[in-house]
């Protein structure tokens, strides 16, 4: 008699694998950061992100709801989270007991690393003038502007503590962020394959902050 197939999978039969819980979300965030770093927000599609992550576009919308929400979580939240954390550090600073060089180095190093990992933030900020008011709010660009305002207030307070006068004290903070973002985004253009070590870059940024802004004449 012919033998009936048992219906069981043989050892060579492919078995579908189930991704660990949260894995599609992590893959989508990583893919989004990579693609947003190559092209701006409008130039990146949800289909491209899903394909790069190796998941369905349906899963992207199930996890994030929209491209704007994914951009906000992947690219914007790391920056606003950094500003919130630095704000807490600043509020705990005791001027007479704080080494301003260590504080400036911590700020420069952490912000530099953030921009290196999230170059898409710089790319989109450069193109943000083309975004409409609704896109500015949905993507979180408005949150970045509010975070920069918070850094401006910290800058103004720091100048006041050191007796430095300025008609536009927030510009020191904005100039610092622009300098660090530019170094992170353009380091390959500046240096090619032979880039200086991170420690050298961070130290140069630190000295520029200290001697370019904090120690100028009042």
C-alpha atoms as a PDB file:
ATOM      1  CA  UNK A   1       0.000   0.000   0.000  1.00  0.00           C
ATOM      2  CA  UNK A   2       1.197   3.489  -0.681  1.00  0.00           C
ATOM      3  CA  UNK A   3       2.416   5.231   2.414  1.00  0.00           C
ATOM      4  CA  UNK A   4       0.388   8.308   3.446  1.00  0.00           C
ATOM      5  CA  UNK A   5       2.327  11.470   4.155  1.00  0.00           C
ATOM      6  CA  UNK A   6       2.299  12.123   7.871  1.00  0.00           C
ATOM      7  CA  UNK A   7       1.952  15.894   7.535  1.00  0.00           C
ATOM      8  CA  UNK A   8       4.889  16.400   9.883  1.00  0.00           C
ATOM      9  CA  UNK A   9       7.738  18.678   8.886  1.00  0.00           C
ATOM     10  CA  UNK A  10      10.960  16.911   8.075  1.00  0.00           C
ATOM     11  CA  UNK A  11      14.272  18.177   9.428  1.00  0.00           C
ATOM     12  CA  UNK A  12      14.965  20.008   6.147  1.00  0.00           C
ATOM     13  CA  UNK A  13      11.581  21.741   6.002  1.00  0.00           C
ATOM     14  CA  UNK A  14      11.817  25.501   6.596  1.00  0.00           C
ATOM     15  CA  UNK A  15      10.168  26.579   9.807  1.00  0.00           C
ATOM     16  CA  UNK A  16       8.880  30.129   9.948  1.00  0.00           C
ATOM     17  CA  UNK A  17      10.614  32.075  12.667  1.00  0.00           C
ATOM     18  CA  UNK A  18       8.805  34.503  14.889  1.00  0.00           C
ATOM     19  CA  UNK A  19      10.635  37.709  15.699  1.00  0.00           C
ATOM     20  CA  UNK A  20      11.110  38.530  19.385  1.00  0.00           C
ATOM     21  CA  UNK A  21       8.624  40.973  20.848  1.00  0.00           C
ATOM     22  CA  UNK A  22       9.596  44.550  19.975  1.00  0.00           C
ATOM     23  CA  UNK A  23      12.075  43.481  17.280  1.00  0.00           C
ATOM     24  CA  UNK A  24      10.105  44.965  14.309  1.00  0.00           C
ATOM     25  CA  UNK A  25       9.902  48.285  16.138  1.00  0.00           C
ATOM     26  CA  UNK A  26      13.658  48.333  16.756  1.00  0.00           C
ATOM     27  CA  UNK A  27      14.379  47.389  13.129  1.00  0.00           C
ATOM     28  CA  UNK A  28      12.101  50.162  11.888  1.00  0.00           C
ATOM     29  CA  UNK A  29      13.750  52.769  14.132  1.00  0.00           C
ATOM     30  CA  UNK A  30      17.238  51.720  12.974  1.00  0.00           C
ATOM     31  CA  UNK A  31      16.207  51.736   9.309  1.00  0.00           C
ATOM     32  CA  UNK A  32      14.503  55.107   9.688  1.00  0.00           C
ATOM     33  CA  UNK A  33      17.612  56.689  11.231  1.00  0.00           C
ATOM     34  CA  UNK A  34      19.769  55.331   8.412  1.00  0.00           C
ATOM     35  CA  UNK A  35      17.463  56.498   5.615  1.00  0.00           C
ATOM     36  CA  UNK A  36      16.665  59.888   7.127  1.00  0.00           C
ATOM     37  CA  UNK A  37      20.436  60.432   7.354  1.00  0.00           C
ATOM     38  CA  UNK A  38      20.769  59.948   3.581  1.00  0.00           C
ATOM     39  CA  UNK A  39      17.816  62.041   2.510  1.00  0.00           C
ATOM     40  CA  UNK A  40      15.499  64.484   4.163  1.00  0.00           C
ATOM     41  CA  UNK A  41      12.117  63.747   5.707  1.00  0.00           C
ATOM     42  CA  UNK A  42      10.091  64.341   2.554  1.00  0.00           C
ATOM     43  CA  UNK A  43      12.487  62.352   0.399  1.00  0.00           C
ATOM     44  CA  UNK A  44      12.070  59.188   2.468  1.00  0.00           C
ATOM     45  CA  UNK A  45       9.007  56.963   2.021  1.00  0.00           C
ATOM     46  CA  UNK A  46       7.430  54.531   4.459  1.00  0.00           C
ATOM     47  CA  UNK A  47       7.842  51.771   1.886  1.00  0.00           C
ATOM     48  CA  UNK A  48      11.594  52.376   1.731  1.00  0.00           C
ATOM     49  CA  UNK A  49      11.847  52.288   5.517  1.00  0.00           C
ATOM     50  CA  UNK A  50       9.831  49.070   5.783  1.00  0.00           C
ATOM     51  CA  UNK A  51      11.897  47.377   3.054  1.00  0.00           C
ATOM     52  CA  UNK A  52      15.168  48.421   4.705  1.00  0.00           C
ATOM     53  CA  UNK A  53      13.896  47.081   8.025  1.00  0.00           C
ATOM     54  CA  UNK A  54      12.770  43.807   6.440  1.00  0.00           C
ATOM     55  CA  UNK A  55       9.193  44.159   7.673  1.00  0.00           C
ATOM     56  CA  UNK A  56       5.867  44.960   6.061  1.00  0.00           C
ATOM     57  CA  UNK A  57       4.700  48.541   5.600  1.00  0.00           C
ATOM     58  CA  UNK A  58       1.597  47.512   7.557  1.00  0.00           C
ATOM     59  CA  UNK A  59       3.791  46.852  10.618  1.00  0.00           C
ATOM     60  CA  UNK A  60       5.278  50.334  10.317  1.00  0.00           C
ATOM     61  CA  UNK A  61       1.864  51.944  10.544  1.00  0.00           C
ATOM     62  CA  UNK A  62       0.780  49.545  13.281  1.00  0.00           C
ATOM     63  CA  UNK A  63       3.772  50.498  15.431  1.00  0.00           C
ATOM     64  CA  UNK A  64       3.996  54.228  14.705  1.00  0.00           C
ATOM     65  CA  UNK A  65       0.816  55.339  12.957  1.00  0.00           C
ATOM     66  CA  UNK A  66       2.555  57.644  10.473  1.00  0.00           C
ATOM     67  CA  UNK A  67       5.904  58.574   8.957  1.00  0.00           C
ATOM     68  CA  UNK A  68       5.904  61.780  10.999  1.00  0.00           C
ATOM     69  CA  UNK A  69       5.493  59.869  14.267  1.00  0.00           C
ATOM     70  CA  UNK A  70       8.303  57.502  13.287  1.00  0.00           C
ATOM     71  CA  UNK A  71      10.568  60.445  12.463  1.00  0.00           C
ATOM     72  CA  UNK A  72       9.753  62.060  15.785  1.00  0.00           C
ATOM     73  CA  UNK A  73      10.633  58.931  17.764  1.00  0.00           C
ATOM     74  CA  UNK A  74      13.669  57.906  15.722  1.00  0.00           C
ATOM     75  CA  UNK A  75      15.318  61.274  15.228  1.00  0.00           C
ATOM     76  CA  UNK A  76      13.749  64.060  17.300  1.00  0.00           C
ATOM     77  CA  UNK A  77      13.234  62.435  20.710  1.00  0.00           C
ATOM     78  CA  UNK A  78      16.959  61.681  21.198  1.00  0.00           C
ATOM     79  CA  UNK A  79      17.701  65.416  20.820  1.00  0.00           C
ATOM     80  CA  UNK A  80      14.897  66.720  23.022  1.00  0.00           C
ATOM     81  CA  UNK A  81      15.706  64.013  25.577  1.00  0.00           C
ATOM     82  CA  UNK A  82      19.329  65.169  25.620  1.00  0.00           C
ATOM     83  CA  UNK A  83      18.274  68.782  26.199  1.00  0.00           C
ATOM     84  CA  UNK A  84      15.930  67.737  29.020  1.00  0.00           C
ATOM     85  CA  UNK A  85      18.704  65.744  30.679  1.00  0.00           C
ATOM     86  CA  UNK A  86      21.230  68.576  30.335  1.00  0.00           C
ATOM     87  CA  UNK A  87      18.651  70.968  31.778  1.00  0.00           C
ATOM     88  CA  UNK A  88      18.383  68.745  34.867  1.00  0.00           C
ATOM     89  CA  UNK A  89      22.180  68.654  35.132  1.00  0.00           C
ATOM     90  CA  UNK A  90      22.331  72.449  34.845  1.00  0.00           C
ATOM     91  CA  UNK A  91      19.767  72.955  37.609  1.00  0.00           C
ATOM     92  CA  UNK A  92      21.946  70.866  39.935  1.00  0.00           C
ATOM     93  CA  UNK A  93      25.123  72.816  39.155  1.00  0.00           C
ATOM     94  CA  UNK A  94      26.775  74.642  42.041  1.00  0.00           C
ATOM     95  CA  UNK A  95      28.912  77.299  40.282  1.00  0.00           C
ATOM     96  CA  UNK A  96      31.714  77.414  42.858  1.00  0.00           C
ATOM     97  CA  UNK A  97      31.985  73.612  42.918  1.00  0.00           C
ATOM     98  CA  UNK A  98      31.664  72.873  39.190  1.00  0.00           C
ATOM     99  CA  UNK A  99      34.507  72.507  36.711  1.00  0.00           C
ATOM    100  CA  UNK A 100      33.161  74.372  33.690  1.00  0.00           C
ATOM    101  CA  UNK A 101      35.597  72.564  31.404  1.00  0.00           C
ATOM    102  CA  UNK A 102      34.227  69.168  32.453  1.00  0.00           C
ATOM    103  CA  UNK A 103      30.657  70.431  32.020  1.00  0.00           C
ATOM    104  CA  UNK A 104      31.394  71.869  28.564  1.00  0.00           C
ATOM    105  CA  UNK A 105      33.202  68.671  27.526  1.00  0.00           C
ATOM    106  CA  UNK A 106      30.260  66.555  28.672  1.00  0.00           C
ATOM    107  CA  UNK A 107      27.829  68.743  26.725  1.00  0.00           C
ATOM    108  CA  UNK A 108      29.943  68.820  23.556  1.00  0.00           C
ATOM    109  CA  UNK A 109      30.727  65.100  23.595  1.00  0.00           C
ATOM    110  CA  UNK A 110      27.187  63.906  24.179  1.00  0.00           C
ATOM    111  CA  UNK A 111      25.676  66.287  21.633  1.00  0.00           C
ATOM    112  CA  UNK A 112      28.336  65.414  19.041  1.00  0.00           C
ATOM    113  CA  UNK A 113      27.621  61.691  19.477  1.00  0.00           C
ATOM    114  CA  UNK A 114      23.898  62.332  19.177  1.00  0.00           C
ATOM    115  CA  UNK A 115      24.293  64.203  15.880  1.00  0.00           C
ATOM    116  CA  UNK A 116      26.647  61.522  14.521  1.00  0.00           C
ATOM    117  CA  UNK A 117      24.059  58.832  15.290  1.00  0.00           C
ATOM    118  CA  UNK A 118      21.142  60.956  14.045  1.00  0.00           C
ATOM    119  CA  UNK A 119      22.523  62.768  11.022  1.00  0.00           C
ATOM    120  CA  UNK A 120      19.000  62.726   9.588  1.00  0.00           C
ATOM    121  CA  UNK A 121      18.076  65.384  12.123  1.00  0.00           C
ATOM    122  CA  UNK A 122      20.634  67.778  10.620  1.00  0.00           C
ATOM    123  CA  UNK A 123      19.546  66.927   7.058  1.00  0.00           C
ATOM    124  CA  UNK A 124      15.877  67.566   7.850  1.00  0.00           C
ATOM    125  CA  UNK A 125      16.554  70.747   9.833  1.00  0.00           C
ATOM    126  CA  UNK A 126      18.398  72.140   6.808  1.00  0.00           C
ATOM    127  CA  UNK A 127      15.337  71.412   4.666  1.00  0.00           C
ATOM    128  CA  UNK A 128      12.724  72.312   7.274  1.00  0.00           C
ATOM    129  CA  UNK A 129      11.823  75.633   5.621  1.00  0.00           C
ATOM    130  CA  UNK A 130      10.059  73.591   2.944  1.00  0.00           C
ATOM    131  CA  UNK A 131       7.828  71.877   5.526  1.00  0.00           C
ATOM    132  CA  UNK A 132       4.358  73.218   6.225  1.00  0.00           C
ATOM    133  CA  UNK A 133       3.141  74.188   9.723  1.00  0.00           C
ATOM    134  CA  UNK A 134       1.353  70.858  10.209  1.00  0.00           C
ATOM    135  CA  UNK A 135       4.461  68.879   9.203  1.00  0.00           C
ATOM    136  CA  UNK A 136       6.607  71.029  11.513  1.00  0.00           C
ATOM    137  CA  UNK A 137       4.362  70.076  14.429  1.00  0.00           C
ATOM    138  CA  UNK A 138       3.798  66.420  13.504  1.00  0.00           C
ATOM    139  CA  UNK A 139       7.465  65.603  12.889  1.00  0.00           C
ATOM    140  CA  UNK A 140       8.594  67.236  16.127  1.00  0.00           C
ATOM    141  CA  UNK A 141      10.605  70.028  14.488  1.00  0.00           C
ATOM    142  CA  UNK A 142       8.596  72.420  16.669  1.00  0.00           C
ATOM    143  CA  UNK A 143       9.831  70.463  19.721  1.00  0.00           C
ATOM    144  CA  UNK A 144      13.412  71.010  18.571  1.00  0.00           C
ATOM    145  CA  UNK A 145      12.818  74.740  18.378  1.00  0.00           C
ATOM    146  CA  UNK A 146      11.405  74.694  21.905  1.00  0.00           C
ATOM    147  CA  UNK A 147      14.438  72.684  23.079  1.00  0.00           C
ATOM    148  CA  UNK A 148      16.775  75.236  21.496  1.00  0.00           C
ATOM    149  CA  UNK A 149      14.891  77.980  23.331  1.00  0.00           C
ATOM    150  CA  UNK A 150      15.553  76.072  26.579  1.00  0.00           C
ATOM    151  CA  UNK A 151      19.276  75.930  25.761  1.00  0.00           C
ATOM    152  CA  UNK A 152      19.135  79.650  25.038  1.00  0.00           C
ATOM    153  CA  UNK A 153      17.784  80.304  28.530  1.00  0.00           C
ATOM    154  CA  UNK A 154      20.585  78.188  30.025  1.00  0.00           C
ATOM    155  CA  UNK A 155      23.103  80.146  27.963  1.00  0.00           C
ATOM    156  CA  UNK A 156      21.683  83.463  29.188  1.00  0.00           C
ATOM    157  CA  UNK A 157      21.846  82.298  32.802  1.00  0.00           C
ATOM    158  CA  UNK A 158      25.422  81.096  32.352  1.00  0.00           C
ATOM    159  CA  UNK A 159      26.458  84.463  30.959  1.00  0.00           C
ATOM    160  CA  UNK A 160      24.749  86.258  33.823  1.00  0.00           C
ATOM    161  CA  UNK A 161      26.573  84.111  36.385  1.00  0.00           C
ATOM    162  CA  UNK A 162      29.911  85.016  34.764  1.00  0.00           C
ATOM    163  CA  UNK A 163      29.099  88.691  34.442  1.00  0.00           C
ATOM    164  CA  UNK A 164      29.088  88.552  30.638  1.00  0.00           C
ATOM    165  CA  UNK A 165      26.726  90.943  28.875  1.00  0.00           C
ATOM    166  CA  UNK A 166      25.080  90.294  25.520  1.00  0.00           C
ATOM    167  CA  UNK A 167      22.119  91.762  23.694  1.00  0.00           C
ATOM    168  CA  UNK A 168      21.363  88.287  22.310  1.00  0.00           C
ATOM    169  CA  UNK A 169      22.545  85.724  24.893  1.00  0.00           C
ATOM    170  CA  UNK A 170      20.587  82.839  23.327  1.00  0.00           C
ATOM    171  CA  UNK A 171      22.729  83.142  20.189  1.00  0.00           C
ATOM    172  CA  UNK A 172      25.636  81.604  22.082  1.00  0.00           C
ATOM    173  CA  UNK A 173      23.642  78.401  22.603  1.00  0.00           C
ATOM    174  CA  UNK A 174      22.363  78.356  19.026  1.00  0.00           C
ATOM    175  CA  UNK A 175      25.870  78.962  17.663  1.00  0.00           C
ATOM    176  CA  UNK A 176      27.240  76.144  19.809  1.00  0.00           C
ATOM    177  CA  UNK A 177      24.624  73.668  18.598  1.00  0.00           C
ATOM    178  CA  UNK A 178      25.215  74.723  14.982  1.00  0.00           C
ATOM    179  CA  UNK A 179      28.980  74.266  15.376  1.00  0.00           C
ATOM    180  CA  UNK A 180      28.635  70.776  16.875  1.00  0.00           C
ATOM    181  CA  UNK A 181      25.966  69.706  14.357  1.00  0.00           C
ATOM    182  CA  UNK A 182      28.128  70.937  11.472  1.00  0.00           C
ATOM    183  CA  UNK A 183      31.163  69.032  12.708  1.00  0.00           C
ATOM    184  CA  UNK A 184      29.136  65.835  13.058  1.00  0.00           C
ATOM    185  CA  UNK A 185      27.368  66.147   9.704  1.00  0.00           C
ATOM    186  CA  UNK A 186      30.375  67.279   7.651  1.00  0.00           C
ATOM    187  CA  UNK A 187      33.220  65.343   9.240  1.00  0.00           C
ATOM    188  CA  UNK A 188      33.556  63.023   6.216  1.00  0.00           C
ATOM    189  CA  UNK A 189      33.623  66.049   3.888  1.00  0.00           C
ATOM    190  CA  UNK A 190      36.239  67.744   6.045  1.00  0.00           C
ATOM    191  CA  UNK A 191      38.519  64.790   6.713  1.00  0.00           C
ATOM    192  CA  UNK A 192      37.680  62.001   4.235  1.00  0.00           C
ATOM    193  CA  UNK A 193      38.666  58.523   5.347  1.00  0.00           C
ATOM    194  CA  UNK A 194      41.313  59.742   7.823  1.00  0.00           C
ATOM    195  CA  UNK A 195      39.174  61.428  10.455  1.00  0.00           C
ATOM    196  CA  UNK A 196      40.662  62.693  13.722  1.00  0.00           C
ATOM    197  CA  UNK A 197      39.799  60.631  16.783  1.00  0.00           C
ATOM    198  CA  UNK A 198      36.548  61.495  18.527  1.00  0.00           C
ATOM    199  CA  UNK A 199      38.440  62.704  21.610  1.00  0.00           C
ATOM    200  CA  UNK A 200      40.350  65.288  19.544  1.00  0.00           C
ATOM    201  CA  UNK A 201      37.161  66.572  17.898  1.00  0.00           C
ATOM    202  CA  UNK A 202      35.307  66.826  21.209  1.00  0.00           C
ATOM    203  CA  UNK A 203      38.247  68.614  22.837  1.00  0.00           C
ATOM    204  CA  UNK A 204      38.384  71.172  20.031  1.00  0.00           C
ATOM    205  CA  UNK A 205      34.639  71.775  20.342  1.00  0.00           C
ATOM    206  CA  UNK A 206      35.015  72.124  24.113  1.00  0.00           C
ATOM    207  CA  UNK A 207      37.748  74.746  23.807  1.00  0.00           C
ATOM    208  CA  UNK A 208      35.706  76.657  21.224  1.00  0.00           C
ATOM    209  CA  UNK A 209      32.744  76.729  23.631  1.00  0.00           C
ATOM    210  CA  UNK A 210      34.838  77.826  26.592  1.00  0.00           C
ATOM    211  CA  UNK A 211      37.027  80.440  24.925  1.00  0.00           C
ATOM    212  CA  UNK A 212      34.683  81.488  22.171  1.00  0.00           C
ATOM    213  CA  UNK A 213      31.639  82.163  24.335  1.00  0.00           C
ATOM    214  CA  UNK A 214      32.162  81.897  28.053  1.00  0.00           C
ATOM    215  CA  UNK A 215      35.402  83.841  28.394  1.00  0.00           C
ATOM    216  CA  UNK A 216      34.768  86.745  26.079  1.00  0.00           C
ATOM    217  CA  UNK A 217      34.763  90.273  27.426  1.00  0.00           C
ATOM    218  CA  UNK A 218      31.479  91.542  28.857  1.00  0.00           C
END
